[in-house]
Structure formats: structure tokens, C-alpha cells
Amino acid sequence: MQVSPVPVHLVSQLLTSLLAVGPLLLVNAVGIVLAVVYWKRHPRASVLLVIGLGVLIVVPVVDIIVSTLGYPWLFGSARSVTIRTVLPVIRVFWSILTAAGHGLIIWAVLADRRKPMQ
């Protein structure tokens, strides 16, 4: 089976979309670095923050890749009824994952800050 190359306009759209969310990805990555730096002081809060911010990095990147490269392949010959049914389900899935990421960040902010054991 021969794999056809990805059209240039899709690659361009993919890179443009990733660039658009770049600032958010950068802020989340810096947050992960800071959580790792403070890991020994506040391990529970740090792990919650790393997981939450990790989710907030992965979800938009995967969403962009799937919507840019996957939808044309997935729905290439699909009827509009199928597309109208599947797309809202996918959007709700991404929304639930994003809400979970934000929930973990809120949990990290409110996590117990007992002094670490010596």
C-alpha cells in the first residue's frame, strides 16, 4: 500500500495553527518547569500542576493535528450527516479533556502545602 504525501496547503495550515497556540504552549511549558523546580517543596501540588499543564499542552496540539490532517482523510467521502454527528462528539471530548486539565491546575493551587519531611 502506497502512502500519498501530505498536501503542502495542509502542512502550511498545520504550522500556522500550531504557531497560533504557541504562546499558550510556551506558558504551560514554563509552568511545568517551575513545578519541577518546586517539586521537593510541594510534591503534591507540583505533580497535579505538571499533569494539568501537560494535558493543556497535549490537547490543542493533538486537536490541531487531527483537525488538519485527520478530518480530510476521515471524512473524505463521508456524508454531511456523518460529519455533523461526529464533529460535536469530538469537540465535547476535547472540551472534557481541557476541563480536566484546568481542574487539575485548580486542585494544585488548593493542594495541601505542608512542610516537607526532613
C-alpha atoms as a PDB file:
ATOM      1  CA  MET A   1       0.000   0.000   0.000  1.00  0.00           C
ATOM      2  CA  GLN A   2       1.433   3.343  -1.028  1.00  0.00           C
ATOM      3  CA  VAL A   3       1.031   6.359   1.252  1.00  0.00           C
ATOM      4  CA  SER A   4       0.312   9.604  -0.537  1.00  0.00           C
ATOM      5  CA  PRO A   5       2.240  12.703   0.564  1.00  0.00           C
ATOM      6  CA  VAL A   6       0.509  15.329   2.665  1.00  0.00           C
ATOM      7  CA  PRO A   7      -0.533  18.308   0.516  1.00  0.00           C
ATOM      8  CA  VAL A   8       1.515  21.465   1.072  1.00  0.00           C
ATOM      9  CA  HIS A   9      -1.543  23.552   1.982  1.00  0.00           C
ATOM     10  CA  LEU A  10      -2.325  21.163   4.862  1.00  0.00           C
ATOM     11  CA  VAL A  11       1.238  21.362   6.179  1.00  0.00           C
ATOM     12  CA  SER A  12       1.049  25.148   5.969  1.00  0.00           C
ATOM     13  CA  GLN A  13      -2.296  25.160   7.783  1.00  0.00           C
ATOM     14  CA  LEU A  14      -0.894  22.816  10.448  1.00  0.00           C
ATOM     15  CA  LEU A  15       2.148  25.007  11.104  1.00  0.00           C
ATOM     16  CA  THR A  16       0.055  28.189  11.154  1.00  0.00           C
ATOM     17  CA  SER A  17      -2.366  26.669  13.659  1.00  0.00           C
ATOM     18  CA  LEU A  18       0.467  25.443  15.887  1.00  0.00           C
ATOM     19  CA  LEU A  19       2.068  28.883  15.734  1.00  0.00           C
ATOM     20  CA  ALA A  20      -1.234  30.445  16.815  1.00  0.00           C
ATOM     21  CA  VAL A  21      -1.298  28.400  20.033  1.00  0.00           C
ATOM     22  CA  GLY A  22       2.450  28.774  20.553  1.00  0.00           C
ATOM     23  CA  PRO A  23       2.210  31.390  23.325  1.00  0.00           C
ATOM     24  CA  LEU A  24      -0.144  29.186  25.361  1.00  0.00           C
ATOM     25  CA  LEU A  25       2.098  26.175  24.859  1.00  0.00           C
ATOM     26  CA  LEU A  26       5.101  28.222  25.962  1.00  0.00           C
ATOM     27  CA  VAL A  27       3.412  29.480  29.135  1.00  0.00           C
ATOM     28  CA  ASN A  28       2.282  25.952  30.006  1.00  0.00           C
ATOM     29  CA  ALA A  29       5.797  24.590  29.387  1.00  0.00           C
ATOM     30  CA  VAL A  30       7.282  27.270  31.674  1.00  0.00           C
ATOM     31  CA  GLY A  31       4.696  26.288  34.297  1.00  0.00           C
ATOM     32  CA  ILE A  32       5.859  22.676  34.072  1.00  0.00           C
ATOM     33  CA  VAL A  33       9.485  23.748  34.520  1.00  0.00           C
ATOM     34  CA  LEU A  34       8.542  25.807  37.588  1.00  0.00           C
ATOM     35  CA  ALA A  35       6.552  22.900  39.040  1.00  0.00           C
ATOM     36  CA  VAL A  36       9.585  20.647  38.644  1.00  0.00           C
ATOM     37  CA  VAL A  37      11.794  23.261  40.334  1.00  0.00           C
ATOM     38  CA  TYR A  38       9.416  23.394  43.330  1.00  0.00           C
ATOM     39  CA  TRP A  39       8.772  19.625  43.345  1.00  0.00           C
ATOM     40  CA  LYS A  40      10.655  18.907  46.605  1.00  0.00           C
ATOM     41  CA  ARG A  41       8.919  21.722  48.476  1.00  0.00           C
ATOM     42  CA  HIS A  42       5.391  20.897  47.325  1.00  0.00           C
ATOM     43  CA  PRO A  43       5.300  17.466  45.682  1.00  0.00           C
ATOM     44  CA  ARG A  44       1.516  17.014  45.550  1.00  0.00           C
ATOM     45  CA  ALA A  45       0.850  20.454  44.084  1.00  0.00           C
ATOM     46  CA  SER A  46       3.713  20.028  41.627  1.00  0.00           C
ATOM     47  CA  VAL A  47       2.553  16.673  40.287  1.00  0.00           C
ATOM     48  CA  LEU A  48      -1.005  17.963  39.856  1.00  0.00           C
ATOM     49  CA  LEU A  49       0.309  21.033  38.063  1.00  0.00           C
ATOM     50  CA  VAL A  50       2.584  19.024  35.765  1.00  0.00           C
ATOM     51  CA  ILE A  51      -0.251  16.687  34.780  1.00  0.00           C
ATOM     52  CA  GLY A  52      -2.754  19.528  34.317  1.00  0.00           C
ATOM     53  CA  LEU A  53      -0.399  21.655  32.237  1.00  0.00           C
ATOM     54  CA  GLY A  54       0.701  18.586  30.296  1.00  0.00           C
ATOM     55  CA  VAL A  55      -2.906  17.950  29.343  1.00  0.00           C
ATOM     56  CA  LEU A  56      -3.253  21.596  28.290  1.00  0.00           C
ATOM     57  CA  ILE A  57      -0.208  21.190  26.032  1.00  0.00           C
ATOM     58  CA  VAL A  58      -1.178  17.850  24.502  1.00  0.00           C
ATOM     59  CA  VAL A  59      -4.885  18.540  23.835  1.00  0.00           C
ATOM     60  CA  PRO A  60      -4.520  21.541  21.499  1.00  0.00           C
ATOM     61  CA  VAL A  61      -1.573  20.005  19.648  1.00  0.00           C
ATOM     62  CA  VAL A  62      -3.407  16.722  19.049  1.00  0.00           C
ATOM     63  CA  ASP A  63      -6.601  18.612  18.189  1.00  0.00           C
ATOM     64  CA  ILE A  64      -4.776  20.681  15.584  1.00  0.00           C
ATOM     65  CA  ILE A  65      -3.101  17.628  14.071  1.00  0.00           C
ATOM     66  CA  VAL A  66      -6.345  15.648  13.983  1.00  0.00           C
ATOM     67  CA  SER A  67      -8.419  18.507  12.602  1.00  0.00           C
ATOM     68  CA  THR A  68      -5.837  19.485   9.990  1.00  0.00           C
ATOM     69  CA  LEU A  69      -4.667  16.083   8.817  1.00  0.00           C
ATOM     70  CA  GLY A  70      -7.241  13.627  10.143  1.00  0.00           C
ATOM     71  CA  TYR A  71     -10.558  15.199   9.212  1.00  0.00           C
ATOM     72  CA  PRO A  72      -9.856  15.396   5.461  1.00  0.00           C
ATOM     73  CA  TRP A  73      -8.812  11.747   5.499  1.00  0.00           C
ATOM     74  CA  LEU A  74     -11.562  10.624   7.892  1.00  0.00           C
ATOM     75  CA  PHE A  75     -14.400  12.491   6.203  1.00  0.00           C
ATOM     76  CA  GLY A  76     -13.113  12.472   2.627  1.00  0.00           C
ATOM     77  CA  SER A  77     -16.086  10.528   1.335  1.00  0.00           C
ATOM     78  CA  ALA A  78     -18.439  10.836   4.292  1.00  0.00           C
ATOM     79  CA  ARG A  79     -21.911  12.257   4.067  1.00  0.00           C
ATOM     80  CA  SER A  80     -22.571  15.594   5.759  1.00  0.00           C
ATOM     81  CA  VAL A  81     -24.892  13.840   8.232  1.00  0.00           C
ATOM     82  CA  THR A  82     -21.957  11.745   9.483  1.00  0.00           C
ATOM     83  CA  ILE A  83     -19.748  14.807   9.821  1.00  0.00           C
ATOM     84  CA  ARG A  84     -22.450  16.736  11.692  1.00  0.00           C
ATOM     85  CA  THR A  85     -22.795  13.802  14.081  1.00  0.00           C
ATOM     86  CA  VAL A  86     -19.127  13.055  14.710  1.00  0.00           C
ATOM     87  CA  LEU A  87     -17.639  16.557  14.974  1.00  0.00           C
ATOM     88  CA  PRO A  88     -19.673  17.649  18.024  1.00  0.00           C
ATOM     89  CA  VAL A  89     -18.701  14.418  19.798  1.00  0.00           C
ATOM     90  CA  ILE A  90     -15.030  15.109  19.089  1.00  0.00           C
ATOM     91  CA  ARG A  91     -15.401  18.719  20.295  1.00  0.00           C
ATOM     92  CA  VAL A  92     -17.060  17.576  23.544  1.00  0.00           C
ATOM     93  CA  PHE A  93     -14.219  15.072  24.069  1.00  0.00           C
ATOM     94  CA  TRP A  94     -11.560  17.827  23.665  1.00  0.00           C
ATOM     95  CA  SER A  95     -13.604  20.109  25.943  1.00  0.00           C
ATOM     96  CA  ILE A  96     -13.787  17.463  28.681  1.00  0.00           C
ATOM     97  CA  LEU A  97     -10.022  16.871  28.487  1.00  0.00           C
ATOM     98  CA  THR A  98      -9.343  20.617  28.654  1.00  0.00           C
ATOM     99  CA  ALA A  99     -11.695  20.978  31.629  1.00  0.00           C
ATOM    100  CA  ALA A 100      -9.846  18.115  33.351  1.00  0.00           C
ATOM    101  CA  GLY A 101      -6.534  19.934  32.788  1.00  0.00           C
ATOM    102  CA  HIS A 102      -7.912  23.129  34.290  1.00  0.00           C
ATOM    103  CA  GLY A 103      -9.422  21.152  37.179  1.00  0.00           C
ATOM    104  CA  LEU A 104      -6.019  19.645  37.981  1.00  0.00           C
ATOM    105  CA  ILE A 105      -4.459  23.113  37.963  1.00  0.00           C
ATOM    106  CA  ILE A 106      -7.124  24.400  40.361  1.00  0.00           C
ATOM    107  CA  TRP A 107      -6.548  21.357  42.563  1.00  0.00           C
ATOM    108  CA  ALA A 108      -2.802  22.082  42.507  1.00  0.00           C
ATOM    109  CA  VAL A 109      -3.407  25.658  43.619  1.00  0.00           C
ATOM    110  CA  LEU A 110      -5.554  24.482  46.515  1.00  0.00           C
ATOM    111  CA  ALA A 111      -3.414  21.430  47.395  1.00  0.00           C
ATOM    112  CA  ASP A 112      -2.125  20.969  50.904  1.00  0.00           C
ATOM    113  CA  ARG A 113       1.201  22.786  51.406  1.00  0.00           C
ATOM    114  CA  ARG A 114       2.540  21.013  54.472  1.00  0.00           C
ATOM    115  CA  LYS A 115       6.226  21.450  55.081  1.00  0.00           C
ATOM    116  CA  PRO A 116       8.210  18.593  53.549  1.00  0.00           C
ATOM    117  CA  MET A 117       9.554  15.983  55.924  1.00  0.00           C
ATOM    118  CA  GLN A 118      13.245  16.408  56.737  1.00  0.00           C
END
